[in-house]
Amino acid sequence: MIELKDLVMLGQGAPNSLSGGRISRCVCAYSKEHGLVRLYPIPKKLLRQWDVFDATVELNTQDHRENTWKIYRSKEDWQRIEKWIRKKSEYPKEERSKLIQSLAKDNLGDLIKARKSFGVIEPKIIDFELVTQNSATSIQTKLFDPDYYIINQNEFKFKPYVVYECTAKCSCKNPQHKQQIVEWGCYEWMRKNPDSKEHCKKVFDNLRLTDKEWKTYFLVGNIHKSPKTYIIVGVLRFKKKN
């Protein structure tokens, strides 16, 4: 059992179902002591972006990614997991942009070489697209929440991708990166009409990826089964000052 203090929730992936009917998310948080950390499983609606919280965690012996933690007794205590994830406050609005700017020094190549779990990248966006992965979306039966149905990431008809280059000099042979966006907000939008391409492609407008009035950063994280593969866990954006 380990106590992580004063974590700032930066991003969370789309939900997946676990054994026992649980709906879980993986989140990325920041602390001055530990840097960027991965925490899971986290129930839906428990944490919001910019929440400051403490967490009681343990190592998962089957997940060797850097700075990756499992919530203590998450399976046994799922219905009362709040005792292991304790919200304290909200990170000040006036400090948020400054924090992300201080973290946005990464490029994808160096993250891969260092086997980092997460990084914050300032992107130069080239293109974006919806990729069809299934003929139709598979919706699971309702679980603990009678007003919420779960669609796992790999069961959506479409997956959103972005093509970009790192603003910082990248050590990858190919400077262009095509990565899937798994941010929770994108999949919540698509969940409303998951088989409509016209509806789902509006996720890119919602993210303001080409809006010059907004400064955009990508919070990227690696995949358990393929730790050299990174996906976009969060899109962090701030209105530019006039």
Protein backbone atom coordinates (compact mmCIF):
# COMPACT_ATOMS: atom_id res chain seq x y z
CA MET A 1 0.00 0.00 0.00
CA ILE A 2 1.37 3.41 -1.05
CA GLU A 3 -0.10 6.89 -0.55
CA LEU A 4 0.10 9.36 -3.45
CA LYS A 5 -0.62 12.92 -2.38
CA ASP A 6 -1.85 16.07 -4.13
CA LEU A 7 -2.43 14.54 -7.55
CA VAL A 8 -3.89 16.74 -10.30
CA MET A 9 -6.16 14.89 -12.73
CA LEU A 10 -5.16 15.84 -16.28
CA GLY A 11 -6.83 13.30 -18.56
CA GLN A 12 -8.82 10.09 -18.72
CA GLY A 13 -9.41 7.49 -21.38
CA ALA A 14 -12.73 6.19 -22.63
CA PRO A 15 -14.37 3.56 -20.41
CA ASN A 16 -13.95 -0.18 -20.54
CA SER A 17 -15.84 -2.90 -18.70
CA LEU A 18 -14.13 -5.14 -16.15
CA SER A 19 -15.10 -8.33 -14.39
CA GLY A 20 -18.05 -8.10 -12.03
CA GLY A 21 -19.89 -5.52 -14.11
CA ARG A 22 -17.52 -2.65 -13.31
CA ILE A 23 -17.07 0.34 -15.64
CA SER A 24 -13.51 1.60 -15.42
CA ARG A 25 -11.30 4.36 -16.73
CA CYS A 26 -7.56 4.85 -16.72
CA VAL A 27 -6.48 8.36 -15.72
CA CYS A 28 -3.30 10.39 -15.93
CA ALA A 29 -2.47 12.67 -13.02
CA TYR A 30 0.44 14.93 -12.12
CA SER A 31 2.20 15.49 -8.82
CA LYS A 32 5.30 17.49 -7.97
CA GLU A 33 6.79 14.42 -6.28
CA HIS A 34 6.09 11.75 -8.90
CA GLY A 35 5.53 13.62 -12.18
CA LEU A 36 2.97 12.08 -14.54
CA VAL A 37 1.39 8.90 -13.18
CA ARG A 38 -1.13 6.35 -14.45
CA LEU A 39 -3.95 5.26 -12.11
CA TYR A 40 -6.61 2.61 -12.64
CA PRO A 41 -9.28 1.38 -12.35
CA ILE A 42 -11.28 4.58 -11.73
CA PRO A 43 -15.10 4.52 -11.75
CA LYS A 44 -16.89 6.88 -14.11
CA LYS A 45 -17.84 10.32 -12.74
CA LEU A 46 -15.58 9.94 -9.70
CA LEU A 47 -12.88 12.33 -10.93
CA ARG A 48 -13.04 15.33 -13.22
CA GLN A 49 -10.23 17.08 -15.05
CA TRP A 50 -8.29 19.41 -12.70
CA ASP A 51 -9.51 17.70 -9.53
CA VAL A 52 -6.82 17.55 -6.81
CA PHE A 53 -6.91 14.27 -4.88
CA ASP A 54 -5.02 11.70 -2.83
CA ALA A 55 -4.99 8.00 -3.72
CA THR A 56 -4.04 4.79 -1.97
CA VAL A 57 -2.43 2.49 -4.52
CA GLU A 58 -0.51 -0.72 -5.06
CA LEU A 59 1.67 -2.10 -7.82
CA ASN A 60 0.17 -4.35 -10.48
CA THR A 61 2.72 -7.12 -11.00
CA GLN A 62 1.37 -7.69 -14.53
CA ASP A 63 1.85 -4.08 -15.66
CA HIS A 64 5.45 -2.89 -15.79
CA ARG A 65 4.92 0.54 -17.32
CA GLU A 66 6.71 3.39 -15.59
CA ASN A 67 4.77 5.26 -12.87
CA THR A 68 1.75 2.97 -13.19
CA TRP A 69 -0.41 2.23 -10.17
CA LYS A 70 -3.51 0.22 -9.36
CA ILE A 71 -6.03 1.56 -6.85
CA TYR A 72 -5.69 -0.41 -3.61
CA ARG A 73 -8.28 -3.19 -3.18
CA SER A 74 -10.13 -1.87 -6.21
CA LYS A 75 -11.97 -5.11 -6.93
CA GLU A 76 -12.96 -5.91 -3.34
CA ASP A 77 -13.94 -2.32 -2.47
CA TRP A 78 -15.40 -1.15 -5.80
CA GLN A 79 -18.71 -0.03 -4.27
CA ARG A 80 -16.86 2.06 -1.65
CA ILE A 81 -13.73 2.92 -3.59
CA GLU A 82 -14.01 6.58 -2.56
CA LYS A 83 -12.12 5.69 0.62
CA TRP A 84 -9.04 5.00 -1.55
CA ILE A 85 -9.55 8.00 -3.90
CA ARG A 86 -10.11 11.17 -1.92
CA LYS A 87 -10.92 14.45 -3.69
CA LYS A 88 -9.57 17.53 -1.93
CA SER A 89 -9.97 20.59 -4.15
CA GLU A 90 -9.72 21.90 -7.71
CA TYR A 91 -6.48 23.07 -9.31
CA PRO A 92 -6.60 26.88 -9.71
CA LYS A 93 -7.78 28.01 -13.15
CA GLU A 94 -5.16 30.72 -13.38
CA GLU A 95 -2.35 28.16 -12.87
CA ARG A 96 -3.46 25.50 -15.34
CA SER A 97 -1.93 26.85 -18.53
CA LYS A 98 1.36 27.53 -16.74
CA LEU A 99 1.49 23.93 -15.46
CA ILE A 100 0.92 22.40 -18.88
CA GLN A 101 3.44 24.71 -20.53
CA SER A 102 6.03 23.58 -17.98
CA LEU A 103 5.34 19.93 -18.86
CA ALA A 104 5.15 20.35 -22.66
CA LYS A 105 8.84 19.74 -23.37
CA ASP A 106 8.44 16.24 -24.78
CA ASN A 107 8.73 14.72 -28.22
CA LEU A 108 7.47 11.26 -29.11
CA GLY A 109 10.85 9.79 -29.98
CA ASP A 110 12.38 10.60 -26.61
CA LEU A 111 9.31 9.27 -24.78
CA ILE A 112 9.68 5.94 -26.58
CA LYS A 113 13.41 5.71 -25.87
CA ALA A 114 12.95 6.51 -22.19
CA ARG A 115 9.96 4.15 -21.90
CA LYS A 116 7.94 6.91 -20.28
CA SER A 117 4.31 6.19 -19.45
CA PHE A 118 3.14 9.69 -20.34
CA GLY A 119 4.26 12.92 -21.90
CA VAL A 120 2.84 16.28 -22.88
CA ILE A 121 3.45 17.28 -26.49
CA GLU A 122 2.81 20.56 -28.25
CA PRO A 123 1.63 19.38 -31.69
CA LYS A 124 1.65 20.85 -35.17
CA ILE A 125 -1.57 19.32 -36.46
CA ILE A 126 -1.52 18.11 -40.04
CA ASP A 127 -4.71 16.11 -40.45
CA PHE A 128 -7.39 14.09 -38.65
CA GLU A 129 -9.77 11.33 -39.65
CA LEU A 130 -12.31 8.79 -38.49
CA VAL A 131 -11.18 5.22 -39.10
CA THR A 132 -13.83 2.51 -39.43
CA GLN A 133 -12.98 -0.44 -37.17
CA ASN A 134 -16.32 -2.31 -37.03
CA SER A 135 -19.38 -2.65 -39.24
CA ALA A 136 -21.52 -1.38 -36.37
CA THR A 137 -21.18 -0.40 -32.73
CA SER A 138 -21.70 -3.11 -30.10
CA ILE A 139 -23.58 -1.82 -27.04
CA GLN A 140 -23.38 -3.81 -23.83
CA THR A 141 -26.18 -4.29 -21.35
CA LYS A 142 -26.59 -1.74 -18.58
CA LEU A 143 -24.56 -2.44 -15.48
CA PHE A 144 -24.59 -0.74 -12.07
CA ASP A 145 -25.97 2.51 -13.49
CA PRO A 146 -29.43 1.96 -15.03
CA ASP A 147 -29.18 5.22 -16.99
CA TYR A 148 -25.82 4.43 -18.56
CA TYR A 149 -24.85 1.83 -21.13
CA ILE A 150 -21.24 0.95 -21.77
CA ILE A 151 -19.45 0.77 -25.11
CA ASN A 152 -15.86 -0.39 -24.89
CA GLN A 153 -13.34 1.51 -27.01
CA ASN A 154 -12.81 -1.41 -29.38
CA GLU A 155 -16.56 -1.86 -29.90
CA PHE A 156 -17.25 1.53 -31.49
CA LYS A 157 -17.75 1.62 -35.23
CA PHE A 158 -15.33 4.54 -35.59
CA LYS A 159 -12.03 5.55 -34.03
CA PRO A 160 -10.75 9.16 -34.18
CA TYR A 161 -7.13 9.69 -35.27
CA VAL A 162 -4.88 12.74 -35.54
CA VAL A 163 -1.78 13.19 -37.70
CA TYR A 164 0.73 15.64 -36.26
CA GLU A 165 4.37 16.57 -35.81
CA CYS A 166 6.01 17.47 -32.50
CA THR A 167 6.82 21.16 -32.12
CA ALA A 168 9.91 20.14 -30.14
CA LYS A 169 12.59 18.50 -32.31
CA CYS A 170 11.58 14.84 -32.61
CA SER A 171 14.04 11.96 -32.65
CA CYS A 172 11.69 9.64 -34.58
CA LYS A 173 12.79 8.69 -38.12
CA ASN A 174 9.35 9.70 -39.39
CA PRO A 175 8.42 13.10 -37.91
CA GLN A 176 4.73 12.59 -38.65
CA HIS A 177 2.74 10.65 -36.05
CA LYS A 178 -0.73 9.17 -36.50
CA GLN A 179 -2.31 8.44 -33.13
CA GLN A 180 -5.72 7.42 -31.89
CA ILE A 181 -7.56 9.77 -29.55
CA VAL A 182 -9.02 7.85 -26.59
CA GLU A 183 -10.05 10.87 -24.52
CA TRP A 184 -13.22 10.20 -22.55
CA GLY A 185 -15.03 13.28 -23.90
CA CYS A 186 -14.65 12.14 -27.51
CA TYR A 187 -16.22 8.77 -26.84
CA GLU A 188 -18.99 10.30 -24.75
CA TRP A 189 -19.88 12.42 -27.78
CA MET A 190 -19.76 9.46 -30.17
CA ARG A 191 -21.78 7.33 -27.74
CA LYS A 192 -24.82 9.54 -28.39
CA ASN A 193 -25.03 8.38 -32.04
CA PRO A 194 -22.17 5.90 -32.50
CA ASP A 195 -22.98 4.62 -36.00
CA SER A 196 -23.37 8.06 -37.62
CA LYS A 197 -20.17 9.21 -39.29
CA GLU A 198 -21.49 12.77 -39.60
CA HIS A 199 -22.13 12.89 -35.86
CA CYS A 200 -18.88 11.20 -34.83
CA LYS A 201 -16.59 13.35 -36.97
CA LYS A 202 -17.76 16.42 -35.04
CA VAL A 203 -15.42 15.32 -32.24
CA PHE A 204 -12.68 17.17 -34.12
CA ASP A 205 -14.69 20.42 -34.09
CA ASN A 206 -15.41 19.91 -30.39
CA LEU A 207 -11.68 19.63 -29.71
CA ARG A 208 -10.98 22.89 -31.61
CA LEU A 209 -7.98 21.26 -33.27
CA THR A 210 -7.75 23.86 -36.05
CA ASP A 211 -9.05 26.86 -34.12
CA LYS A 212 -6.23 29.41 -34.09
CA GLU A 213 -7.69 31.13 -31.03
CA TRP A 214 -6.81 28.10 -28.88
CA LYS A 215 -3.46 26.66 -27.81
CA THR A 216 -3.50 22.86 -27.91
CA TYR A 217 -1.40 20.20 -26.18
CA PHE A 218 -1.62 16.40 -26.39
CA LEU A 219 -1.34 14.24 -23.29
CA VAL A 220 -0.02 10.96 -24.70
CA GLY A 221 0.38 7.60 -22.97
CA ASN A 222 1.63 4.17 -23.94
CA ILE A 223 -0.32 0.91 -24.26
CA HIS A 224 0.09 -2.00 -21.87
CA LYS A 225 0.56 -4.72 -24.50
CA SER A 226 2.64 -2.49 -26.78
CA PRO A 227 4.58 -0.01 -24.59
CA LYS A 228 6.27 1.64 -27.59
CA THR A 229 2.86 2.56 -29.01
CA TYR A 230 1.36 5.82 -27.77
CA ILE A 231 -2.20 7.13 -27.89
CA ILE A 232 -3.71 10.52 -27.08
CA VAL A 233 -5.29 10.28 -23.63
CA GLY A 234 -6.18 13.94 -23.36
CA VAL A 235 -6.42 17.08 -25.46
CA LEU A 236 -5.53 20.07 -23.27
CA ARG A 237 -6.46 23.45 -24.73
CA PHE A 238 -6.37 27.04 -23.56
CA LYS A 239 -7.86 30.19 -25.04
CA LYS A 240 -5.08 32.45 -26.28
CA LYS A 241 -4.88 35.87 -24.72
CA ASN A 242 -5.43 38.84 -26.99
